[in-house]
Amino acid sequence: MENNKQNIEQCINLLNKKELSVSGTNKIISLKPDLIQLDTVLGGLIVCGQNLELIKLDNTSTRAEIKGEINSLKFVEGKSKQPFFRKIFK
């Protein structure tokens, strides 16, 4: 499976900690003003900050654009594995 990931390209652009563009976005898992969780072609990506907004999600080019005060990016291997009841009662 690791060989397949080497052939996939993903581009992440961060401008002035205010604008983030991520290519290879499959879907949005969680969308909150302080945390946005994405499923991408290379695994999970968690964006933390304040006043975060999903400005654009283009399914054709698989590009997501986020604006707000971006404090950190965290890469997570594989898909999100939240407990079933945690998803329901959030």
PDB file of N, CA and C in Angstrom:
ATOM      1  N   MET A   1       0.820  -1.191   0.000  1.00  0.00           N
ATOM      2  CA  MET A   1       0.000   0.000   0.000  1.00  0.00           C
ATOM      3  C   MET A   1       0.868   1.261   0.000  1.00  0.00           C
ATOM      4  N   GLU A   2       2.017   1.205   0.632  1.00  0.00           N
ATOM      5  CA  GLU A   2       2.913   2.349   0.680  1.00  0.00           C
ATOM      6  C   GLU A   2       3.389   2.743  -0.719  1.00  0.00           C
ATOM      7  N   ASN A   3       3.577   1.774  -1.613  1.00  0.00           N
ATOM      8  CA  ASN A   3       4.006   2.079  -2.977  1.00  0.00           C
ATOM      9  C   ASN A   3       2.971   2.900  -3.711  1.00  0.00           C
ATOM     10  N   ASN A   4       1.678   2.647  -3.466  1.00  0.00           N
ATOM     11  CA  ASN A   4       0.622   3.411  -4.116  1.00  0.00           C
ATOM     12  C   ASN A   4       0.666   4.874  -3.710  1.00  0.00           C
ATOM     13  N   LYS A   5       0.997   5.170  -2.458  1.00  0.00           N
ATOM     14  CA  LYS A   5       1.037   6.548  -1.985  1.00  0.00           C
ATOM     15  C   LYS A   5       2.186   7.327  -2.603  1.00  0.00           C
ATOM     16  N   GLN A   6       3.241   6.656  -3.008  1.00  0.00           N
ATOM     17  CA  GLN A   6       4.372   7.347  -3.599  1.00  0.00           C
ATOM     18  C   GLN A   6       4.025   7.924  -4.964  1.00  0.00           C
ATOM     19  N   ASN A   7       3.043   7.370  -5.656  1.00  0.00           N
ATOM     20  CA  ASN A   7       2.643   7.843  -6.977  1.00  0.00           C
ATOM     21  C   ASN A   7       1.596   8.949  -6.919  1.00  0.00           C
ATOM     22  N   ILE A   8       1.050   9.215  -5.734  1.00  0.00           N
ATOM     23  CA  ILE A   8       0.009  10.216  -5.574  1.00  0.00           C
ATOM     24  C   ILE A   8       0.652  11.528  -5.132  1.00  0.00           C
ATOM     25  N   GLU A   9       0.216  12.625  -5.753  1.00  0.00           N
ATOM     26  CA  GLU A   9       0.731  13.935  -5.382  1.00  0.00           C
ATOM     27  C   GLU A   9      -0.362  14.741  -4.710  1.00  0.00           C
ATOM     28  N   GLN A  10       0.046  15.516  -3.724  1.00  0.00           N
ATOM     29  CA  GLN A  10      -0.871  16.403  -3.029  1.00  0.00           C
ATOM     30  C   GLN A  10      -0.150  17.720  -2.798  1.00  0.00           C
ATOM     31  N   CYS A  11      -0.859  18.801  -2.985  1.00  0.00           N
ATOM     32  CA  CYS A  11      -0.277  20.119  -2.802  1.00  0.00           C
ATOM     33  C   CYS A  11      -1.043  20.852  -1.704  1.00  0.00           C
ATOM     34  N   ILE A  12      -0.287  21.383  -0.728  1.00  0.00           N
ATOM     35  CA  ILE A  12      -0.878  22.161   0.359  1.00  0.00           C
ATOM     36  C   ILE A  12      -0.189  23.519   0.365  1.00  0.00           C
ATOM     37  N   ASN A  13      -0.978  24.580   0.181  1.00  0.00           N
ATOM     38  CA  ASN A  13      -0.442  25.948   0.173  1.00  0.00           C
ATOM     39  C   ASN A  13      -1.043  26.725   1.332  1.00  0.00           C
ATOM     40  N   LEU A  14      -0.191  27.329   2.142  1.00  0.00           N
ATOM     41  CA  LEU A  14      -0.621  28.158   3.268  1.00  0.00           C
ATOM     42  C   LEU A  14      -0.075  29.561   3.049  1.00  0.00           C
ATOM     43  N   LEU A  15      -0.963  30.539   3.011  1.00  0.00           N
ATOM     44  CA  LEU A  15      -0.577  31.926   2.763  1.00  0.00           C
ATOM     45  C   LEU A  15      -0.864  32.764   4.005  1.00  0.00           C
ATOM     46  N   ASN A  16       0.189  33.285   4.630  1.00  0.00           N
ATOM     47  CA  ASN A  16       0.082  34.198   5.773  1.00  0.00           C
ATOM     48  C   ASN A  16      -0.742  33.646   6.935  1.00  0.00           C
ATOM     49  N   LYS A  17      -0.762  32.340   7.097  1.00  0.00           N
ATOM     50  CA  LYS A  17      -1.538  31.681   8.154  1.00  0.00           C
ATOM     51  C   LYS A  17      -3.025  32.049   8.117  1.00  0.00           C
ATOM     52  N   LYS A  18      -3.504  32.507   6.955  1.00  0.00           N
ATOM     53  CA  LYS A  18      -4.895  32.940   6.821  1.00  0.00           C
ATOM     54  C   LYS A  18      -5.657  32.208   5.725  1.00  0.00           C
ATOM     55  N   GLU A  19      -4.946  31.711   4.717  1.00  0.00           N
ATOM     56  CA  GLU A  19      -5.595  31.047   3.584  1.00  0.00           C
ATOM     57  C   GLU A  19      -4.883  29.733   3.304  1.00  0.00           C
ATOM     58  N   LEU A  20      -5.656  28.652   3.258  1.00  0.00           N
ATOM     59  CA  LEU A  20      -5.109  27.318   3.030  1.00  0.00           C
ATOM     60  C   LEU A  20      -5.801  26.693   1.825  1.00  0.00           C
ATOM     61  N   SER A  21      -5.008  26.119   0.943  1.00  0.00           N
ATOM     62  CA  SER A  21      -5.529  25.411  -0.218  1.00  0.00           C
ATOM     63  C   SER A  21      -4.957  23.993  -0.189  1.00  0.00           C
ATOM     64  N   VAL A  22      -5.836  22.994  -0.294  1.00  0.00           N
ATOM     65  CA  VAL A  22      -5.426  21.592  -0.219  1.00  0.00           C
ATOM     66  C   VAL A  22      -5.965  20.853  -1.434  1.00  0.00           C
ATOM     67  N   SER A  23      -5.067  20.296  -2.247  1.00  0.00           N
ATOM     68  CA  SER A  23      -5.514  19.465  -3.366  1.00  0.00           C
ATOM     69  C   SER A  23      -5.607  18.020  -2.897  1.00  0.00           C
ATOM     70  N   GLY A  24      -6.338  17.215  -3.622  1.00  0.00           N
ATOM     71  CA  GLY A  24      -6.477  15.807  -3.273  1.00  0.00           C
ATOM     72  C   GLY A  24      -7.434  15.563  -2.128  1.00  0.00           C
ATOM     73  N   THR A  25      -8.403  16.440  -1.945  1.00  0.00           N
ATOM     74  CA  THR A  25      -9.379  16.299  -0.866  1.00  0.00           C
ATOM     75  C   THR A  25     -10.519  15.393  -1.317  1.00  0.00           C
ATOM     76  N   ASN A  26     -10.739  14.314  -0.570  1.00  0.00           N
ATOM     77  CA  ASN A  26     -11.839  13.400  -0.888  1.00  0.00           C
ATOM     78  C   ASN A  26     -13.160  13.857  -0.285  1.00  0.00           C
ATOM     79  N   LYS A  27     -13.126  14.225   1.017  1.00  0.00           N
ATOM     80  CA  LYS A  27     -14.350  14.688   1.674  1.00  0.00           C
ATOM     81  C   LYS A  27     -14.014  15.432   2.957  1.00  0.00           C
ATOM     82  N   ILE A  28     -15.007  16.170   3.437  1.00  0.00           N
ATOM     83  CA  ILE A  28     -14.908  16.882   4.702  1.00  0.00           C
ATOM     84  C   ILE A  28     -15.500  15.976   5.776  1.00  0.00           C
ATOM     85  N   ILE A  29     -14.727  15.673   6.803  1.00  0.00           N
ATOM     86  CA  ILE A  29     -15.202  14.808   7.876  1.00  0.00           C
ATOM     87  C   ILE A  29     -15.843  15.628   8.988  1.00  0.00           C
ATOM     88  N   SER A  30     -15.205  16.738   9.347  1.00  0.00           N
ATOM     89  CA  SER A  30     -15.709  17.578  10.431  1.00  0.00           C
ATOM     90  C   SER A  30     -15.473  19.032  10.064  1.00  0.00           C
ATOM     91  N   LEU A  31     -16.458  19.878  10.384  1.00  0.00           N
ATOM     92  CA  LEU A  31     -16.367  21.285  10.044  1.00  0.00           C
ATOM     93  C   LEU A  31     -16.844  22.110  11.228  1.00  0.00           C
ATOM     94  N   LYS A  32     -15.902  22.690  11.954  1.00  0.00           N
ATOM     95  CA  LYS A  32     -16.204  23.534  13.111  1.00  0.00           C
ATOM     96  C   LYS A  32     -15.366  24.802  12.992  1.00  0.00           C
ATOM     97  N   PRO A  33     -15.745  25.876  13.696  1.00  0.00           N
ATOM     98  CA  PRO A  33     -14.977  27.125  13.600  1.00  0.00           C
ATOM     99  C   PRO A  33     -13.531  27.021  14.097  1.00  0.00           C
ATOM    100  N   ASP A  34     -13.242  26.006  14.931  1.00  0.00           N
ATOM    101  CA  ASP A  34     -11.878  25.870  15.455  1.00  0.00           C
ATOM    102  C   ASP A  34     -11.159  24.631  14.940  1.00  0.00           C
ATOM    103  N   LEU A  35     -11.842  23.783  14.143  1.00  0.00           N
ATOM    104  CA  LEU A  35     -11.225  22.553  13.654  1.00  0.00           C
ATOM    105  C   LEU A  35     -11.934  22.077  12.383  1.00  0.00           C
ATOM    106  N   ILE A  36     -11.143  21.802  11.369  1.00  0.00           N
ATOM    107  CA  ILE A  36     -11.671  21.211  10.135  1.00  0.00           C
ATOM    108  C   ILE A  36     -10.881  19.946   9.877  1.00  0.00           C
ATOM    109  N   GLN A  37     -11.601  18.835   9.690  1.00  0.00           N
ATOM    110  CA  GLN A  37     -10.950  17.549   9.449  1.00  0.00           C
ATOM    111  C   GLN A  37     -11.297  17.085   8.041  1.00  0.00           C
ATOM    112  N   LEU A  38     -10.239  16.814   7.263  1.00  0.00           N
ATOM    113  CA  LEU A  38     -10.393  16.418   5.868  1.00  0.00           C
ATOM    114  C   LEU A  38      -9.891  14.993   5.668  1.00  0.00           C
ATOM    115  N   ASP A  39     -10.516  14.279   4.730  1.00  0.00           N
ATOM    116  CA  ASP A  39      -9.987  13.006   4.253  1.00  0.00           C
ATOM    117  C   ASP A  39      -9.366  13.307   2.896  1.00  0.00           C
ATOM    118  N   THR A  40      -8.051  13.052   2.773  1.00  0.00           N
ATOM    119  CA  THR A  40      -7.347  13.364   1.526  1.00  0.00           C
ATOM    120  C   THR A  40      -6.766  12.087   0.922  1.00  0.00           C
ATOM    121  N   VAL A  41      -6.205  12.220  -0.255  1.00  0.00           N
ATOM    122  CA  VAL A  41      -5.636  11.063  -0.947  1.00  0.00           C
ATOM    123  C   VAL A  41      -4.459  10.458  -0.191  1.00  0.00           C
ATOM    124  N   LEU A  42      -3.826  11.231   0.691  1.00  0.00           N
ATOM    125  CA  LEU A  42      -2.687  10.731   1.457  1.00  0.00           C
ATOM    126  C   LEU A  42      -3.024  10.504   2.930  1.00  0.00           C
ATOM    127  N   GLY A  43      -4.300  10.483   3.280  1.00  0.00           N
ATOM    128  CA  GLY A  43      -4.718  10.244   4.663  1.00  0.00           C
ATOM    129  C   GLY A  43      -5.472  11.435   5.212  1.00  0.00           C
ATOM    130  N   GLY A  44      -5.610  11.455   6.525  1.00  0.00           N
ATOM    131  CA  GLY A  44      -6.359  12.512   7.179  1.00  0.00           C
ATOM    132  C   GLY A  44      -5.524  13.764   7.377  1.00  0.00           C
ATOM    133  N   LEU A  45      -6.195  14.917   7.379  1.00  0.00           N
ATOM    134  CA  LEU A  45      -5.567  16.195   7.640  1.00  0.00           C
ATOM    135  C   LEU A  45      -6.477  16.970   8.579  1.00  0.00           C
ATOM    136  N   ILE A  46      -5.924  17.403   9.718  1.00  0.00           N
ATOM    137  CA  ILE A  46      -6.674  18.187  10.689  1.00  0.00           C
ATOM    138  C   ILE A  46      -6.113  19.597  10.687  1.00  0.00           C
ATOM    139  N   VAL A  47      -6.997  20.578  10.479  1.00  0.00           N
ATOM    140  CA  VAL A  47      -6.626  21.983  10.477  1.00  0.00           C
ATOM    141  C   VAL A  47      -7.205  22.604  11.744  1.00  0.00           C
ATOM    142  N   CYS A  48      -6.340  23.154  12.595  1.00  0.00           N
ATOM    143  CA  CYS A  48      -6.783  23.798  13.832  1.00  0.00           C
ATOM    144  C   CYS A  48      -6.560  25.296  13.731  1.00  0.00           C
ATOM    145  N   GLY A  49      -7.447  26.054  14.356  1.00  0.00           N
ATOM    146  CA  GLY A  49      -7.317  27.502  14.353  1.00  0.00           C
ATOM    147  C   GLY A  49      -8.533  28.166  14.939  1.00  0.00           C
ATOM    148  N   GLN A  50      -8.807  29.378  14.473  1.00  0.00           N
ATOM    149  CA  GLN A  50      -9.954  30.151  14.937  1.00  0.00           C
ATOM    150  C   GLN A  50     -10.668  30.755  13.743  1.00  0.00           C
ATOM    151  N   ASN A  51     -11.988  30.833  13.851  1.00  0.00           N
ATOM    152  CA  ASN A  51     -12.826  31.414  12.788  1.00  0.00           C
ATOM    153  C   ASN A  51     -12.574  30.748  11.442  1.00  0.00           C
ATOM    154  N   LEU A  52     -12.413  29.429  11.445  1.00  0.00           N
ATOM    155  CA  LEU A  52     -12.153  28.700  10.202  1.00  0.00           C
ATOM    156  C   LEU A  52     -13.429  28.565   9.390  1.00  0.00           C
ATOM    157  N   GLU A  53     -13.312  28.766   8.093  1.00  0.00           N
ATOM    158  CA  GLU A  53     -14.435  28.634   7.172  1.00  0.00           C
ATOM    159  C   GLU A  53     -13.986  27.861   5.942  1.00  0.00           C
ATOM    160  N   LEU A  54     -14.828  26.957   5.485  1.00  0.00           N
ATOM    161  CA  LEU A  54     -14.592  26.279   4.222  1.00  0.00           C
ATOM    162  C   LEU A  54     -15.140  27.190   3.133  1.00  0.00           C
ATOM    163  N   ILE A  55     -14.266  27.798   2.380  1.00  0.00           N
ATOM    164  CA  ILE A  55     -14.660  28.761   1.356  1.00  0.00           C
ATOM    165  C   ILE A  55     -15.102  28.056   0.080  1.00  0.00           C
ATOM    166  N   LYS A  56     -14.363  27.004  -0.278  1.00  0.00           N
ATOM    167  CA  LYS A  56     -14.650  26.333  -1.552  1.00  0.00           C
ATOM    168  C   LYS A  56     -14.255  24.872  -1.460  1.00  0.00           C
ATOM    169  N   LEU A  57     -15.095  24.014  -1.988  1.00  0.00           N
ATOM    170  CA  LEU A  57     -14.782  22.593  -2.144  1.00  0.00           C
ATOM    171  C   LEU A  57     -15.147  22.221  -3.565  1.00  0.00           C
ATOM    172  N   ASP A  58     -14.137  21.992  -4.380  1.00  0.00           N
ATOM    173  CA  ASP A  58     -14.336  21.666  -5.788  1.00  0.00           C
ATOM    174  C   ASP A  58     -14.153  20.164  -5.970  1.00  0.00           C
ATOM    175  N   ASN A  59     -15.253  19.457  -6.211  1.00  0.00           N
ATOM    176  CA  ASN A  59     -15.194  18.003  -6.374  1.00  0.00           C
ATOM    177  C   ASN A  59     -14.487  17.589  -7.654  1.00  0.00           C
ATOM    178  N   THR A  60     -14.509  18.429  -8.669  1.00  0.00           N
ATOM    179  CA  THR A  60     -13.858  18.097  -9.930  1.00  0.00           C
ATOM    180  C   THR A  60     -12.341  18.067  -9.780  1.00  0.00           C
ATOM    181  N   SER A  61     -11.791  19.097  -9.175  1.00  0.00           N
ATOM    182  CA  SER A  61     -10.338  19.163  -9.002  1.00  0.00           C
ATOM    183  C   SER A  61      -9.905  18.658  -7.626  1.00  0.00           C
ATOM    184  N   THR A  62     -10.841  18.246  -6.804  1.00  0.00           N
ATOM    185  CA  THR A  62     -10.618  17.764  -5.432  1.00  0.00           C
ATOM    186  C   THR A  62      -9.795  18.761  -4.610  1.00  0.00           C
ATOM    187  N   ARG A  63     -10.129  20.034  -4.731  1.00  0.00           N
ATOM    188  CA  ARG A  63      -9.413  21.101  -4.018  1.00  0.00           C
ATOM    189  C   ARG A  63     -10.342  21.737  -2.981  1.00  0.00           C
ATOM    190  N   ALA A  64      -9.822  21.903  -1.766  1.00  0.00           N
ATOM    191  CA  ALA A  64     -10.546  22.590  -0.697  1.00  0.00           C
ATOM    192  C   ALA A  64      -9.802  23.875  -0.360  1.00  0.00           C
ATOM    193  N   GLU A  65     -10.563  24.941  -0.114  1.00  0.00           N
ATOM    194  CA  GLU A  65      -9.972  26.211   0.293  1.00  0.00           C
ATOM    195  C   GLU A  65     -10.566  26.627   1.630  1.00  0.00           C
ATOM    196  N   ILE A  66      -9.684  26.971   2.571  1.00  0.00           N
ATOM    197  CA  ILE A  66     -10.079  27.308   3.932  1.00  0.00           C
ATOM    198  C   ILE A  66      -9.504  28.667   4.281  1.00  0.00           C
ATOM    199  N   LYS A  67     -10.330  29.501   4.953  1.00  0.00           N
ATOM    200  CA  LYS A  67      -9.864  30.800   5.437  1.00  0.00           C
ATOM    201  C   LYS A  67     -10.107  30.885   6.936  1.00  0.00           C
ATOM    202  N   GLY A  68      -9.299  31.681   7.603  1.00  0.00           N
ATOM    203  CA  GLY A  68      -9.396  31.892   9.038  1.00  0.00           C
ATOM    204  C   GLY A  68      -8.005  32.015   9.614  1.00  0.00           C
ATOM    205  N   GLU A  69      -7.914  31.992  10.932  1.00  0.00           N
ATOM    206  CA  GLU A  69      -6.612  32.035  11.598  1.00  0.00           C
ATOM    207  C   GLU A  69      -6.133  30.608  11.807  1.00  0.00           C
ATOM    208  N   ILE A  70      -5.206  30.157  10.978  1.00  0.00           N
ATOM    209  CA  ILE A  70      -4.744  28.770  10.987  1.00  0.00           C
ATOM    210  C   ILE A  70      -3.544  28.653  11.921  1.00  0.00           C
ATOM    211  N   ASN A  71      -3.691  27.803  12.941  1.00  0.00           N
ATOM    212  CA  ASN A  71      -2.633  27.635  13.942  1.00  0.00           C
ATOM    213  C   ASN A  71      -1.804  26.382  13.717  1.00  0.00           C
ATOM    214  N   SER A  72      -2.423  25.312  13.221  1.00  0.00           N
ATOM    215  CA  SER A  72      -1.654  24.078  13.028  1.00  0.00           C
ATOM    216  C   SER A  72      -2.311  23.170  11.995  1.00  0.00           C
ATOM    217  N   LEU A  73      -1.476  22.331  11.409  1.00  0.00           N
ATOM    218  CA  LEU A  73      -1.905  21.274  10.498  1.00  0.00           C
ATOM    219  C   LEU A  73      -1.373  19.974  11.069  1.00  0.00           C
ATOM    220  N   LYS A  74      -2.217  18.959  11.124  1.00  0.00           N
ATOM    221  CA  LYS A  74      -1.786  17.657  11.640  1.00  0.00           C
ATOM    222  C   LYS A  74      -2.174  16.593  10.619  1.00  0.00           C
ATOM    223  N   PHE A  75      -1.192  15.788  10.261  1.00  0.00           N
ATOM    224  CA  PHE A  75      -1.426  14.714   9.305  1.00  0.00           C
ATOM    225  C   PHE A  75      -1.683  13.421  10.060  1.00  0.00           C
ATOM    226  N   VAL A  76      -2.707  12.691   9.641  1.00  0.00           N
ATOM    227  CA  VAL A  76      -3.116  11.451  10.296  1.00  0.00           C
ATOM    228  C   VAL A  76      -3.118  10.352   9.252  1.00  0.00           C
ATOM    229  N   GLU A  77      -2.455   9.244   9.541  1.00  0.00           N
ATOM    230  CA  GLU A  77      -2.439   8.110   8.610  1.00  0.00           C
ATOM    231  C   GLU A  77      -3.823   7.483   8.533  1.00  0.00           C
ATOM    232  N   GLY A  78      -4.248   7.159   7.350  1.00  0.00           N
ATOM    233  CA  GLY A  78      -5.501   6.441   7.147  1.00  0.00           C
ATOM    234  C   GLY A  78      -6.716   7.310   7.403  1.00  0.00           C
ATOM    235  N   LYS A  79      -7.851   6.672   7.438  1.00  0.00           N
ATOM    236  CA  LYS A  79      -9.118   7.362   7.635  1.00  0.00           C
ATOM    237  C   LYS A  79      -9.369   7.576   9.114  1.00  0.00           C
ATOM    238  N   SER A  80     -10.257   8.520   9.402  1.00  0.00           N
ATOM    239  CA  SER A  80     -10.614   8.815  10.784  1.00  0.00           C
ATOM    240  C   SER A  80     -11.329   7.625  11.410  1.00  0.00           C
ATOM    241  N   LYS A  81     -10.939   7.278  12.620  1.00  0.00           N
ATOM    242  CA  LYS A  81     -11.575   6.160  13.311  1.00  0.00           C
ATOM    243  C   LYS A  81     -12.135   6.645  14.633  1.00  0.00           C
ATOM    244  N   GLN A  82     -13.239   7.389  14.571  1.00  0.00           N
ATOM    245  CA  GLN A  82     -13.892   7.858  15.779  1.00  0.00           C
ATOM    246  C   GLN A  82     -14.853   6.780  16.264  1.00  0.00           C
ATOM    247  N   PRO A  83     -14.993   6.640  17.572  1.00  0.00           N
ATOM    248  CA  PRO A  83     -15.974   5.692  18.087  1.00  0.00           C
ATOM    249  C   PRO A  83     -17.378   6.040  17.600  1.00  0.00           C
ATOM    250  N   PHE A  84     -18.196   5.030  17.388  1.00  0.00           N
ATOM    251  CA  PHE A  84     -19.529   5.202  16.833  1.00  0.00           C
ATOM    252  C   PHE A  84     -20.368   6.181  17.654  1.00  0.00           C
ATOM    253  N   PHE A  85     -20.409   6.013  18.975  1.00  0.00           N
ATOM    254  CA  PHE A  85     -21.249   6.873  19.807  1.00  0.00           C
ATOM    255  C   PHE A  85     -20.717   8.304  19.874  1.00  0.00           C
ATOM    256  N   ARG A  86     -19.434   8.487  19.721  1.00  0.00           N
ATOM    257  CA  ARG A  86     -18.864   9.831  19.729  1.00  0.00           C
ATOM    258  C   ARG A  86     -19.353  10.619  18.518  1.00  0.00           C
ATOM    259  N   LYS A  87     -19.478   9.963  17.371  1.00  0.00           N
ATOM    260  CA  LYS A  87     -19.986  10.624  16.168  1.00  0.00           C
ATOM    261  C   LYS A  87     -21.439  11.061  16.369  1.00  0.00           C
ATOM    262  N   ILE A  88     -22.233  10.189  16.991  1.00  0.00           N
ATOM    263  CA  ILE A  88     -23.660  10.457  17.158  1.00  0.00           C
ATOM    264  C   ILE A  88     -23.916  11.603  18.139  1.00  0.00           C
ATOM    265  N   PHE A  89     -23.199  11.618  19.259  1.00  0.00           N
ATOM    266  CA  PHE A  89     -23.495  12.565  20.334  1.00  0.00           C
ATOM    267  C   PHE A  89     -22.635  13.822  20.329  1.00  0.00           C
ATOM    268  N   LYS A  90     -22.019  14.158  19.223  1.00  0.00           N
ATOM    269  CA  LYS A  90     -21.219  15.395  19.146  1.00  0.00           C
ATOM    270  C   LYS A  90     -22.092  16.602  19.083  1.00  0.00           C
TER     271      LYS A  90
END
